[in-house]
Amino acid sequence: MVTDKPGYEHLIQFLTEHLALFEQAGTQTRDNKTLGVIIEERIAEQIIQLCTQHTELETIHRSQIIREVDGIMYDFQEVLASVLNRPATAEQIELINEVALLIKNLFDTAIAHLMD
């Protein structure tokens, strides 16, 4: 659906281009959530919103989305493995929010093509 598309490759490239941000010290957040937790939460929020907005999706499509999100999480864990257990900084959370929105946009586009 999205992980085999050029847009997803660009997203992974975008993430790897910003790896330095994940190795820098930054402004600590008050809750001290780890990068891994923040990534899971932000992507989950976007996927829930996606499924809520697209009520026309059949169960098979929702299942496909979940499988792809599992793959996306695996890819992110591979790219960020060395820093996933560190507390997230405000700057990192901002980038993660942006990436999560981009993931939702990829799925929105795929769903639009699917429903044509």
PDB file of N, CA and C in Angstrom:
ATOM      1  N   MET A   1       0.832  -1.191   0.000  1.00  0.00           N
ATOM      2  CA  MET A   1       0.000   0.000   0.000  1.00  0.00           C
ATOM      3  C   MET A   1       0.879   1.257   0.000  1.00  0.00           C
ATOM      4  N   VAL A   2       1.786   1.418   0.994  1.00  0.00           N
ATOM      5  CA  VAL A   2       2.677   2.589   0.981  1.00  0.00           C
ATOM      6  C   VAL A   2       4.159   2.220   1.085  1.00  0.00           C
ATOM      7  N   THR A   3       4.475   1.130   1.737  1.00  0.00           N
ATOM      8  CA  THR A   3       5.894   0.829   1.986  1.00  0.00           C
ATOM      9  C   THR A   3       6.646   0.448   0.718  1.00  0.00           C
ATOM     10  N   ASP A   4       5.938   0.157  -0.346  1.00  0.00           N
ATOM     11  CA  ASP A   4       6.595  -0.178  -1.609  1.00  0.00           C
ATOM     12  C   ASP A   4       6.554   0.985  -2.603  1.00  0.00           C
ATOM     13  N   LYS A   5       6.234   2.162  -2.118  1.00  0.00           N
ATOM     14  CA  LYS A   5       6.111   3.343  -2.969  1.00  0.00           C
ATOM     15  C   LYS A   5       7.301   4.282  -2.770  1.00  0.00           C
ATOM     16  N   PRO A   6       7.613   5.087  -3.797  1.00  0.00           N
ATOM     17  CA  PRO A   6       8.733   6.041  -3.682  1.00  0.00           C
ATOM     18  C   PRO A   6       8.571   7.022  -2.521  1.00  0.00           C
ATOM     19  N   GLY A   7       7.334   7.403  -2.212  1.00  0.00           N
ATOM     20  CA  GLY A   7       7.113   8.339  -1.107  1.00  0.00           C
ATOM     21  C   GLY A   7       7.637   7.806   0.213  1.00  0.00           C
ATOM     22  N   TYR A   8       7.490   6.501   0.423  1.00  0.00           N
ATOM     23  CA  TYR A   8       7.986   5.893   1.662  1.00  0.00           C
ATOM     24  C   TYR A   8       9.509   5.888   1.677  1.00  0.00           C
ATOM     25  N   GLU A   9      10.113   5.602   0.536  1.00  0.00           N
ATOM     26  CA  GLU A   9      11.575   5.645   0.440  1.00  0.00           C
ATOM     27  C   GLU A   9      12.086   7.040   0.766  1.00  0.00           C
ATOM     28  N   HIS A  10      11.375   8.059   0.277  1.00  0.00           N
ATOM     29  CA  HIS A  10      11.753   9.446   0.571  1.00  0.00           C
ATOM     30  C   HIS A  10      11.607   9.746   2.065  1.00  0.00           C
ATOM     31  N   LEU A  11      10.585   9.189   2.680  1.00  0.00           N
ATOM     32  CA  LEU A  11      10.373   9.388   4.113  1.00  0.00           C
ATOM     33  C   LEU A  11      11.522   8.795   4.923  1.00  0.00           C
ATOM     34  N   ILE A  12      11.926   7.583   4.581  1.00  0.00           N
ATOM     35  CA  ILE A  12      13.058   6.952   5.279  1.00  0.00           C
ATOM     36  C   ILE A  12      14.333   7.754   5.042  1.00  0.00           C
ATOM     37  N   GLN A  13      14.509   8.229   3.830  1.00  0.00           N
ATOM     38  CA  GLN A  13      15.677   9.052   3.523  1.00  0.00           C
ATOM     39  C   GLN A  13      15.641  10.345   4.351  1.00  0.00           C
ATOM     40  N   PHE A  14      14.473  10.964   4.453  1.00  0.00           N
ATOM     41  CA  PHE A  14      14.299  12.171   5.264  1.00  0.00           C
ATOM     42  C   PHE A  14      14.697  11.891   6.714  1.00  0.00           C
ATOM     43  N   LEU A  15      14.252  10.755   7.241  1.00  0.00           N
ATOM     44  CA  LEU A  15      14.584  10.389   8.615  1.00  0.00           C
ATOM     45  C   LEU A  15      16.087  10.195   8.772  1.00  0.00           C
ATOM     46  N   THR A  16      16.710   9.505   7.850  1.00  0.00           N
ATOM     47  CA  THR A  16      18.158   9.265   7.966  1.00  0.00           C
ATOM     48  C   THR A  16      18.953  10.551   7.801  1.00  0.00           C
ATOM     49  N   GLU A  17      18.440  11.489   7.018  1.00  0.00           N
ATOM     50  CA  GLU A  17      19.115  12.782   6.867  1.00  0.00           C
ATOM     51  C   GLU A  17      19.104  13.583   8.163  1.00  0.00           C
ATOM     52  N   HIS A  18      18.165  13.260   9.048  1.00  0.00           N
ATOM     53  CA  HIS A  18      18.048  13.984  10.317  1.00  0.00           C
ATOM     54  C   HIS A  18      18.531  13.162  11.512  1.00  0.00           C
ATOM     55  N   LEU A  19      19.309  12.127  11.260  1.00  0.00           N
ATOM     56  CA  LEU A  19      19.801  11.287  12.355  1.00  0.00           C
ATOM     57  C   LEU A  19      20.628  12.072  13.367  1.00  0.00           C
ATOM     58  N   ALA A  20      21.341  13.075  12.905  1.00  0.00           N
ATOM     59  CA  ALA A  20      22.165  13.878  13.819  1.00  0.00           C
ATOM     60  C   ALA A  20      21.324  14.493  14.929  1.00  0.00           C
ATOM     61  N   LEU A  21      20.082  14.835  14.625  1.00  0.00           N
ATOM     62  CA  LEU A  21      19.181  15.403  15.636  1.00  0.00           C
ATOM     63  C   LEU A  21      18.980  14.428  16.798  1.00  0.00           C
ATOM     64  N   PHE A  22      19.008  13.136  16.494  1.00  0.00           N
ATOM     65  CA  PHE A  22      18.767  12.134  17.527  1.00  0.00           C
ATOM     66  C   PHE A  22      20.013  11.833  18.352  1.00  0.00           C
ATOM     67  N   GLU A  23      21.133  12.350  17.926  1.00  0.00           N
ATOM     68  CA  GLU A  23      22.365  12.125  18.680  1.00  0.00           C
ATOM     69  C   GLU A  23      22.784  13.349  19.475  1.00  0.00           C
ATOM     70  N   GLN A  24      22.064  14.441  19.295  1.00  0.00           N
ATOM     71  CA  GLN A  24      22.372  15.675  19.995  1.00  0.00           C
ATOM     72  C   GLN A  24      21.585  15.773  21.292  1.00  0.00           C
ATOM     73  N   ALA A  25      22.173  16.473  22.242  1.00  0.00           N
ATOM     74  CA  ALA A  25      21.434  16.795  23.461  1.00  0.00           C
ATOM     75  C   ALA A  25      20.502  17.950  23.110  1.00  0.00           C
ATOM     76  N   GLY A  26      19.338  17.949  23.702  1.00  0.00           N
ATOM     77  CA  GLY A  26      18.384  19.017  23.440  1.00  0.00           C
ATOM     78  C   GLY A  26      17.573  19.299  24.678  1.00  0.00           C
ATOM     79  N   THR A  27      16.492  20.021  24.514  1.00  0.00           N
ATOM     80  CA  THR A  27      15.621  20.385  25.602  1.00  0.00           C
ATOM     81  C   THR A  27      14.824  19.153  26.042  1.00  0.00           C
ATOM     82  N   GLN A  28      15.066  18.711  27.253  1.00  0.00           N
ATOM     83  CA  GLN A  28      14.350  17.536  27.783  1.00  0.00           C
ATOM     84  C   GLN A  28      12.885  17.886  28.020  1.00  0.00           C
ATOM     85  N   THR A  29      12.034  16.907  27.792  1.00  0.00           N
ATOM     86  CA  THR A  29      10.613  17.102  28.074  1.00  0.00           C
ATOM     87  C   THR A  29      10.349  16.736  29.528  1.00  0.00           C
ATOM     88  N   ARG A  30       9.229  17.187  30.040  1.00  0.00           N
ATOM     89  CA  ARG A  30       8.918  16.928  31.447  1.00  0.00           C
ATOM     90  C   ARG A  30       8.572  15.475  31.725  1.00  0.00           C
ATOM     91  N   ASP A  31       7.966  14.795  30.764  1.00  0.00           N
ATOM     92  CA  ASP A  31       7.518  13.425  31.034  1.00  0.00           C
ATOM     93  C   ASP A  31       8.604  12.366  30.828  1.00  0.00           C
ATOM     94  N   ASN A  32       9.725  12.735  30.230  1.00  0.00           N
ATOM     95  CA  ASN A  32      10.851  11.820  30.014  1.00  0.00           C
ATOM     96  C   ASN A  32      10.490  10.560  29.243  1.00  0.00           C
ATOM     97  N   LYS A  33       9.508  10.639  28.348  1.00  0.00           N
ATOM     98  CA  LYS A  33       9.179   9.483  27.509  1.00  0.00           C
ATOM     99  C   LYS A  33      10.348   9.221  26.568  1.00  0.00           C
ATOM    100  N   THR A  34      10.557   7.949  26.272  1.00  0.00           N
ATOM    101  CA  THR A  34      11.645   7.597  25.365  1.00  0.00           C
ATOM    102  C   THR A  34      11.240   7.866  23.919  1.00  0.00           C
ATOM    103  N   LEU A  35      12.243   7.920  23.053  1.00  0.00           N
ATOM    104  CA  LEU A  35      11.976   8.108  21.634  1.00  0.00           C
ATOM    105  C   LEU A  35      11.084   6.992  21.096  1.00  0.00           C
ATOM    106  N   GLY A  36      11.354   5.757  21.525  1.00  0.00           N
ATOM    107  CA  GLY A  36      10.552   4.625  21.073  1.00  0.00           C
ATOM    108  C   GLY A  36       9.088   4.784  21.421  1.00  0.00           C
ATOM    109  N   VAL A  37       8.806   5.223  22.633  1.00  0.00           N
ATOM    110  CA  VAL A  37       7.420   5.424  23.073  1.00  0.00           C
ATOM    111  C   VAL A  37       6.775   6.559  22.284  1.00  0.00           C
ATOM    112  N   ILE A  38       7.495   7.647  22.103  1.00  0.00           N
ATOM    113  CA  ILE A  38       6.955   8.796  21.363  1.00  0.00           C
ATOM    114  C   ILE A  38       6.635   8.396  19.919  1.00  0.00           C
ATOM    115  N   ILE A  39       7.531   7.652  19.281  1.00  0.00           N
ATOM    116  CA  ILE A  39       7.292   7.216  17.902  1.00  0.00           C
ATOM    117  C   ILE A  39       6.037   6.362  17.836  1.00  0.00           C
ATOM    118  N   GLU A  40       5.922   5.400  18.729  1.00  0.00           N
ATOM    119  CA  GLU A  40       4.740   4.531  18.745  1.00  0.00           C
ATOM    120  C   GLU A  40       3.470   5.335  18.961  1.00  0.00           C
ATOM    121  N   GLU A  41       3.487   6.241  19.925  1.00  0.00           N
ATOM    122  CA  GLU A  41       2.297   7.033  20.231  1.00  0.00           C
ATOM    123  C   GLU A  41       1.881   7.916  19.062  1.00  0.00           C
ATOM    124  N   ARG A  42       2.834   8.621  18.472  1.00  0.00           N
ATOM    125  CA  ARG A  42       2.501   9.574  17.405  1.00  0.00           C
ATOM    126  C   ARG A  42       2.010   8.866  16.145  1.00  0.00           C
ATOM    127  N   ILE A  43       2.640   7.771  15.793  1.00  0.00           N
ATOM    128  CA  ILE A  43       2.192   7.037  14.609  1.00  0.00           C
ATOM    129  C   ILE A  43       0.824   6.415  14.878  1.00  0.00           C
ATOM    130  N   ALA A  44       0.631   5.858  16.062  1.00  0.00           N
ATOM    131  CA  ALA A  44      -0.667   5.273  16.406  1.00  0.00           C
ATOM    132  C   ALA A  44      -1.773   6.330  16.346  1.00  0.00           C
ATOM    133  N   GLU A  45      -1.504   7.524  16.867  1.00  0.00           N
ATOM    134  CA  GLU A  45      -2.501   8.601  16.828  1.00  0.00           C
ATOM    135  C   GLU A  45      -2.904   8.917  15.391  1.00  0.00           C
ATOM    136  N   GLN A  46      -1.931   8.988  14.509  1.00  0.00           N
ATOM    137  CA  GLN A  46      -2.219   9.317  13.117  1.00  0.00           C
ATOM    138  C   GLN A  46      -2.987   8.198  12.410  1.00  0.00           C
ATOM    139  N   ILE A  47      -2.657   6.954  12.712  1.00  0.00           N
ATOM    140  CA  ILE A  47      -3.343   5.834  12.079  1.00  0.00           C
ATOM    141  C   ILE A  47      -4.783   5.718  12.594  1.00  0.00           C
ATOM    142  N   ILE A  48      -4.988   5.983  13.867  1.00  0.00           N
ATOM    143  CA  ILE A  48      -6.351   6.006  14.410  1.00  0.00           C
ATOM    144  C   ILE A  48      -7.162   7.101  13.716  1.00  0.00           C
ATOM    145  N   GLN A  49      -6.564   8.268  13.568  1.00  0.00           N
ATOM    146  CA  GLN A  49      -7.247   9.361  12.883  1.00  0.00           C
ATOM    147  C   GLN A  49      -7.540   8.975  11.431  1.00  0.00           C
ATOM    148  N   LEU A  50      -6.590   8.335  10.767  1.00  0.00           N
ATOM    149  CA  LEU A  50      -6.773   7.882   9.391  1.00  0.00           C
ATOM    150  C   LEU A  50      -7.979   6.955   9.271  1.00  0.00           C
ATOM    151  N   CYS A  51      -8.042   5.959  10.135  1.00  0.00           N
ATOM    152  CA  CYS A  51      -9.141   4.997  10.081  1.00  0.00           C
ATOM    153  C   CYS A  51     -10.478   5.639  10.447  1.00  0.00           C
ATOM    154  N   THR A  52     -10.453   6.607  11.336  1.00  0.00           N
ATOM    155  CA  THR A  52     -11.665   7.324  11.709  1.00  0.00           C
ATOM    156  C   THR A  52     -12.182   8.171  10.550  1.00  0.00           C
ATOM    157  N   GLN A  53     -11.260   8.779   9.809  1.00  0.00           N
ATOM    158  CA  GLN A  53     -11.645   9.625   8.687  1.00  0.00           C
ATOM    159  C   GLN A  53     -12.134   8.815   7.488  1.00  0.00           C
ATOM    160  N   HIS A  54     -11.627   7.611   7.340  1.00  0.00           N
ATOM    161  CA  HIS A  54     -11.953   6.798   6.163  1.00  0.00           C
ATOM    162  C   HIS A  54     -12.868   5.645   6.571  1.00  0.00           C
ATOM    163  N   THR A  55     -14.096   5.981   6.852  1.00  0.00           N
ATOM    164  CA  THR A  55     -15.062   4.981   7.299  1.00  0.00           C
ATOM    165  C   THR A  55     -15.415   3.984   6.204  1.00  0.00           C
ATOM    166  N   GLU A  56     -15.106   4.326   4.964  1.00  0.00           N
ATOM    167  CA  GLU A  56     -15.411   3.440   3.847  1.00  0.00           C
ATOM    168  C   GLU A  56     -14.432   2.269   3.712  1.00  0.00           C
ATOM    169  N   LEU A  57     -13.370   2.287   4.501  1.00  0.00           N
ATOM    170  CA  LEU A  57     -12.380   1.210   4.428  1.00  0.00           C
ATOM    171  C   LEU A  57     -12.981  -0.114   4.877  1.00  0.00           C
ATOM    172  N   GLU A  58     -12.693  -1.136   4.113  1.00  0.00           N
ATOM    173  CA  GLU A  58     -13.122  -2.477   4.486  1.00  0.00           C
ATOM    174  C   GLU A  58     -12.122  -3.068   5.469  1.00  0.00           C
ATOM    175  N   THR A  59     -12.526  -4.107   6.160  1.00  0.00           N
ATOM    176  CA  THR A  59     -11.672  -4.755   7.151  1.00  0.00           C
ATOM    177  C   THR A  59     -10.351  -5.207   6.538  1.00  0.00           C
ATOM    178  N   ILE A  60     -10.396  -5.708   5.338  1.00  0.00           N
ATOM    179  CA  ILE A  60      -9.167  -6.169   4.689  1.00  0.00           C
ATOM    180  C   ILE A  60      -8.178  -5.022   4.486  1.00  0.00           C
ATOM    181  N   HIS A  61      -8.695  -3.836   4.179  1.00  0.00           N
ATOM    182  CA  HIS A  61      -7.826  -2.670   3.997  1.00  0.00           C
ATOM    183  C   HIS A  61      -7.257  -2.193   5.331  1.00  0.00           C
ATOM    184  N   ARG A  62      -8.082  -2.216   6.360  1.00  0.00           N
ATOM    185  CA  ARG A  62      -7.604  -1.826   7.695  1.00  0.00           C
ATOM    186  C   ARG A  62      -6.512  -2.789   8.164  1.00  0.00           C
ATOM    187  N   SER A  63      -6.695  -4.064   7.885  1.00  0.00           N
ATOM    188  CA  SER A  63      -5.685  -5.062   8.253  1.00  0.00           C
ATOM    189  C   SER A  63      -4.385  -4.819   7.496  1.00  0.00           C
ATOM    190  N   GLN A  64      -4.503  -4.471   6.227  1.00  0.00           N
ATOM    191  CA  GLN A  64      -3.317  -4.176   5.427  1.00  0.00           C
ATOM    192  C   GLN A  64      -2.585  -2.954   5.976  1.00  0.00           C
ATOM    193  N   ILE A  65      -3.339  -1.951   6.385  1.00  0.00           N
ATOM    194  CA  ILE A  65      -2.733  -0.752   6.971  1.00  0.00           C
ATOM    195  C   ILE A  65      -1.968  -1.126   8.237  1.00  0.00           C
ATOM    196  N   ILE A  66      -2.575  -1.925   9.101  1.00  0.00           N
ATOM    197  CA  ILE A  66      -1.925  -2.331  10.357  1.00  0.00           C
ATOM    198  C   ILE A  66      -0.647  -3.101  10.072  1.00  0.00           C
ATOM    199  N   ARG A  67      -0.686  -4.011   9.105  1.00  0.00           N
ATOM    200  CA  ARG A  67       0.531  -4.759   8.746  1.00  0.00           C
ATOM    201  C   ARG A  67       1.623  -3.825   8.257  1.00  0.00           C
ATOM    202  N   GLU A  68       1.243  -2.852   7.443  1.00  0.00           N
ATOM    203  CA  GLU A  68       2.236  -1.904   6.937  1.00  0.00           C
ATOM    204  C   GLU A  68       2.787  -1.018   8.056  1.00  0.00           C
ATOM    205  N   VAL A  69       1.927  -0.621   8.972  1.00  0.00           N
ATOM    206  CA  VAL A  69       2.403   0.188  10.105  1.00  0.00           C
ATOM    207  C   VAL A  69       3.394  -0.623  10.942  1.00  0.00           C
ATOM    208  N   ASP A  70       3.138  -1.918  11.117  1.00  0.00           N
ATOM    209  CA  ASP A  70       4.106  -2.777  11.817  1.00  0.00           C
ATOM    210  C   ASP A  70       5.444  -2.751  11.097  1.00  0.00           C
ATOM    211  N   GLY A  71       5.427  -2.815   9.771  1.00  0.00           N
ATOM    212  CA  GLY A  71       6.658  -2.755   8.985  1.00  0.00           C
ATOM    213  C   GLY A  71       7.349  -1.414   9.113  1.00  0.00           C
ATOM    214  N   ILE A  72       6.568  -0.357   9.127  1.00  0.00           N
ATOM    215  CA  ILE A  72       7.127   0.989   9.293  1.00  0.00           C
ATOM    216  C   ILE A  72       7.800   1.107  10.657  1.00  0.00           C
ATOM    217  N   MET A  73       7.123   0.615  11.687  1.00  0.00           N
ATOM    218  CA  MET A  73       7.712   0.658  13.035  1.00  0.00           C
ATOM    219  C   MET A  73       9.018  -0.136  13.064  1.00  0.00           C
ATOM    220  N   TYR A  74       9.048  -1.272  12.415  1.00  0.00           N
ATOM    221  CA  TYR A  74      10.275  -2.075  12.352  1.00  0.00           C
ATOM    222  C   TYR A  74      11.389  -1.276  11.674  1.00  0.00           C
ATOM    223  N   ASP A  75      11.083  -0.637  10.552  1.00  0.00           N
ATOM    224  CA  ASP A  75      12.090   0.165   9.846  1.00  0.00           C
ATOM    225  C   ASP A  75      12.611   1.290  10.733  1.00  0.00           C
ATOM    226  N   PHE A  76      11.708   1.974  11.414  1.00  0.00           N
ATOM    227  CA  PHE A  76      12.120   3.070  12.286  1.00  0.00           C
ATOM    228  C   PHE A  76      12.986   2.559  13.435  1.00  0.00           C
ATOM    229  N   GLN A  77      12.614   1.416  13.983  1.00  0.00           N
ATOM    230  CA  GLN A  77      13.409   0.837  15.064  1.00  0.00           C
ATOM    231  C   GLN A  77      14.795   0.450  14.577  1.00  0.00           C
ATOM    232  N   GLU A  78      14.909   0.014  13.337  1.00  0.00           N
ATOM    233  CA  GLU A  78      16.216  -0.307  12.763  1.00  0.00           C
ATOM    234  C   GLU A  78      17.064   0.962  12.605  1.00  0.00           C
ATOM    235  N   VAL A  79      16.466   1.998  12.058  1.00  0.00           N
ATOM    236  CA  VAL A  79      17.194   3.237  11.804  1.00  0.00           C
ATOM    237  C   VAL A  79      17.611   3.908  13.114  1.00  0.00           C
ATOM    238  N   LEU A  80      16.740   3.855  14.119  1.00  0.00           N
ATOM    239  CA  LEU A  80      16.981   4.584  15.372  1.00  0.00           C
ATOM    240  C   LEU A  80      17.332   3.671  16.551  1.00  0.00           C
ATOM    241  N   ALA A  81      17.763   2.465  16.268  1.00  0.00           N
ATOM    242  CA  ALA A  81      17.985   1.462  17.318  1.00  0.00           C
ATOM    243  C   ALA A  81      18.867   1.961  18.454  1.00  0.00           C
ATOM    244  N   SER A  82      19.897   2.702  18.145  1.00  0.00           N
ATOM    245  CA  SER A  82      20.843   3.108  19.186  1.00  0.00           C
ATOM    246  C   SER A  82      20.307   4.188  20.118  1.00  0.00           C
ATOM    247  N   VAL A  83      19.183   4.818  19.759  1.00  0.00           N
ATOM    248  CA  VAL A  83      18.684   5.930  20.578  1.00  0.00           C
ATOM    249  C   VAL A  83      17.251   5.743  21.069  1.00  0.00           C
ATOM    250  N   LEU A  84      16.610   4.626  20.748  1.00  0.00           N
ATOM    251  CA  LEU A  84      15.194   4.439  21.084  1.00  0.00           C
ATOM    252  C   LEU A  84      14.887   4.512  22.570  1.00  0.00           C
ATOM    253  N   ASN A  85      15.821   4.145  23.401  1.00  0.00           N
ATOM    254  CA  ASN A  85      15.560   4.123  24.842  1.00  0.00           C
ATOM    255  C   ASN A  85      15.977   5.403  25.555  1.00  0.00           C
ATOM    256  N   ARG A  86      16.417   6.380  24.807  1.00  0.00           N
ATOM    257  CA  ARG A  86      16.779   7.674  25.392  1.00  0.00           C
ATOM    258  C   ARG A  86      15.535   8.540  25.537  1.00  0.00           C
ATOM    259  N   PRO A  87      15.525   9.398  26.563  1.00  0.00           N
ATOM    260  CA  PRO A  87      14.408  10.346  26.671  1.00  0.00           C
ATOM    261  C   PRO A  87      14.384  11.267  25.451  1.00  0.00           C
ATOM    262  N   ALA A  88      13.204  11.494  24.925  1.00  0.00           N
ATOM    263  CA  ALA A  88      13.047  12.337  23.739  1.00  0.00           C
ATOM    264  C   ALA A  88      13.178  13.806  24.114  1.00  0.00           C
ATOM    265  N   THR A  89      13.795  14.563  23.229  1.00  0.00           N
ATOM    266  CA  THR A  89      13.883  16.010  23.413  1.00  0.00           C
ATOM    267  C   THR A  89      12.737  16.671  22.654  1.00  0.00           C
ATOM    268  N   ALA A  90      12.499  17.919  22.959  1.00  0.00           N
ATOM    269  CA  ALA A  90      11.430  18.664  22.280  1.00  0.00           C
ATOM    270  C   ALA A  90      11.679  18.712  20.778  1.00  0.00           C
ATOM    271  N   GLU A  91      12.929  18.894  20.377  1.00  0.00           N
ATOM    272  CA  GLU A  91      13.268  18.964  18.964  1.00  0.00           C
ATOM    273  C   GLU A  91      13.012  17.622  18.259  1.00  0.00           C
ATOM    274  N   GLN A  92      13.332  16.544  18.926  1.00  0.00           N
ATOM    275  CA  GLN A  92      13.108  15.215  18.357  1.00  0.00           C
ATOM    276  C   GLN A  92      11.616  14.930  18.237  1.00  0.00           C
ATOM    277  N   ILE A  93      10.859  15.320  19.242  1.00  0.00           N
ATOM    278  CA  ILE A  93       9.406  15.116  19.206  1.00  0.00           C
ATOM    279  C   ILE A  93       8.794  15.893  18.051  1.00  0.00           C
ATOM    280  N   GLU A  94       9.278  17.090  17.816  1.00  0.00           N
ATOM    281  CA  GLU A  94       8.778  17.891  16.699  1.00  0.00           C
ATOM    282  C   GLU A  94       9.016  17.163  15.372  1.00  0.00           C
ATOM    283  N   LEU A  95      10.203  16.597  15.194  1.00  0.00           N
ATOM    284  CA  LEU A  95      10.495  15.855  13.963  1.00  0.00           C
ATOM    285  C   LEU A  95       9.643  14.589  13.870  1.00  0.00           C
ATOM    286  N   ILE A  96       9.481  13.895  14.979  1.00  0.00           N
ATOM    287  CA  ILE A  96       8.661  12.681  14.993  1.00  0.00           C
ATOM    288  C   ILE A  96       7.208  13.018  14.631  1.00  0.00           C
ATOM    289  N   ASN A  97       6.700  14.125  15.155  1.00  0.00           N
ATOM    290  CA  ASN A  97       5.334  14.562  14.798  1.00  0.00           C
ATOM    291  C   ASN A  97       5.218  14.799  13.299  1.00  0.00           C
ATOM    292  N   GLU A  98       6.221  15.437  12.731  1.00  0.00           N
ATOM    293  CA  GLU A  98       6.219  15.704  11.297  1.00  0.00           C
ATOM    294  C   GLU A  98       6.250  14.400  10.499  1.00  0.00           C
ATOM    295  N   VAL A  99       7.079  13.463  10.911  1.00  0.00           N
ATOM    296  CA  VAL A  99       7.182  12.174  10.219  1.00  0.00           C
ATOM    297  C   VAL A  99       5.859  11.406  10.330  1.00  0.00           C
ATOM    298  N   ALA A 100       5.235  11.425  11.503  1.00  0.00           N
ATOM    299  CA  ALA A 100       3.963  10.732  11.690  1.00  0.00           C
ATOM    300  C   ALA A 100       2.886  11.318  10.769  1.00  0.00           C
ATOM    301  N   LEU A 101       2.873  12.628  10.618  1.00  0.00           N
ATOM    302  CA  LEU A 101       1.930  13.270   9.691  1.00  0.00           C
ATOM    303  C   LEU A 101       2.220  12.878   8.248  1.00  0.00           C
ATOM    304  N   LEU A 102       3.490  12.775   7.907  1.00  0.00           N
ATOM    305  CA  LEU A 102       3.859  12.354   6.554  1.00  0.00           C
ATOM    306  C   LEU A 102       3.410  10.915   6.285  1.00  0.00           C
ATOM    307  N   ILE A 103       3.521  10.067   7.292  1.00  0.00           N
ATOM    308  CA  ILE A 103       3.050   8.683   7.151  1.00  0.00           C
ATOM    309  C   ILE A 103       1.548   8.673   6.894  1.00  0.00           C
ATOM    310  N   LYS A 104       0.812   9.455   7.660  1.00  0.00           N
ATOM    311  CA  LYS A 104      -0.639   9.537   7.454  1.00  0.00           C
ATOM    312  C   LYS A 104      -0.947  10.032   6.051  1.00  0.00           C
ATOM    313  N   ASN A 105      -0.202  11.015   5.578  1.00  0.00           N
ATOM    314  CA  ASN A 105      -0.423  11.532   4.234  1.00  0.00           C
ATOM    315  C   ASN A 105      -0.181  10.465   3.171  1.00  0.00           C
ATOM    316  N   LEU A 106       0.841   9.635   3.386  1.00  0.00           N
ATOM    317  CA  LEU A 106       1.094   8.535   2.443  1.00  0.00           C
ATOM    318  C   LEU A 106      -0.108   7.598   2.383  1.00  0.00           C
ATOM    319  N   PHE A 107      -0.646   7.269   3.550  1.00  0.00           N
ATOM    320  CA  PHE A 107      -1.817   6.392   3.588  1.00  0.00           C
ATOM    321  C   PHE A 107      -3.056   7.077   3.007  1.00  0.00           C
ATOM    322  N   ASP A 108      -3.244   8.362   3.292  1.00  0.00           N
ATOM    323  CA  ASP A 108      -4.377   9.101   2.702  1.00  0.00           C
ATOM    324  C   ASP A 108      -4.327   9.018   1.180  1.00  0.00           C
ATOM    325  N   THR A 109      -3.148   9.223   0.620  1.00  0.00           N
ATOM    326  CA  THR A 109      -2.977   9.158  -0.832  1.00  0.00           C
ATOM    327  C   THR A 109      -3.271   7.761  -1.355  1.00  0.00           C
ATOM    328  N   ALA A 110      -2.749   6.738  -0.666  1.00  0.00           N
ATOM    329  CA  ALA A 110      -2.979   5.356  -1.094  1.00  0.00           C
ATOM    330  C   ALA A 110      -4.467   5.003  -1.035  1.00  0.00           C
ATOM    331  N   ILE A 111      -5.138   5.470   0.002  1.00  0.00           N
ATOM    332  CA  ILE A 111      -6.580   5.192   0.145  1.00  0.00           C
ATOM    333  C   ILE A 111      -7.357   5.894  -0.956  1.00  0.00           C
ATOM    334  N   ALA A 112      -6.967   7.119  -1.293  1.00  0.00           N
ATOM    335  CA  ALA A 112      -7.644   7.847  -2.362  1.00  0.00           C
ATOM    336  C   ALA A 112      -7.521   7.079  -3.681  1.00  0.00           C
ATOM    337  N   HIS A 113      -6.345   6.529  -3.958  1.00  0.00           N
ATOM    338  CA  HIS A 113      -6.150   5.733  -5.182  1.00  0.00           C
ATOM    339  C   HIS A 113      -6.940   4.440  -5.123  1.00  0.00           C
ATOM    340  N   LEU A 114      -7.019   3.876  -3.945  1.00  0.00           N
ATOM    341  CA  LEU A 114      -7.739   2.614  -3.747  1.00  0.00           C
ATOM    342  C   LEU A 114      -9.233   2.795  -4.019  1.00  0.00           C
ATOM    343  N   MET A 115      -9.772   3.936  -3.620  1.00  0.00           N
ATOM    344  CA  MET A 115     -11.209   4.182  -3.739  1.00  0.00           C
ATOM    345  C   MET A 115     -11.613   4.720  -5.110  1.00  0.00           C
ATOM    346  N   ASP A 116     -10.638   5.014  -5.959  1.00  0.00           N
ATOM    347  CA  ASP A 116     -10.967   5.508  -7.325  1.00  0.00           C
ATOM    348  C   ASP A 116     -11.613   4.431  -8.149  1.00  0.00           C
TER     349      ASP A 116
END
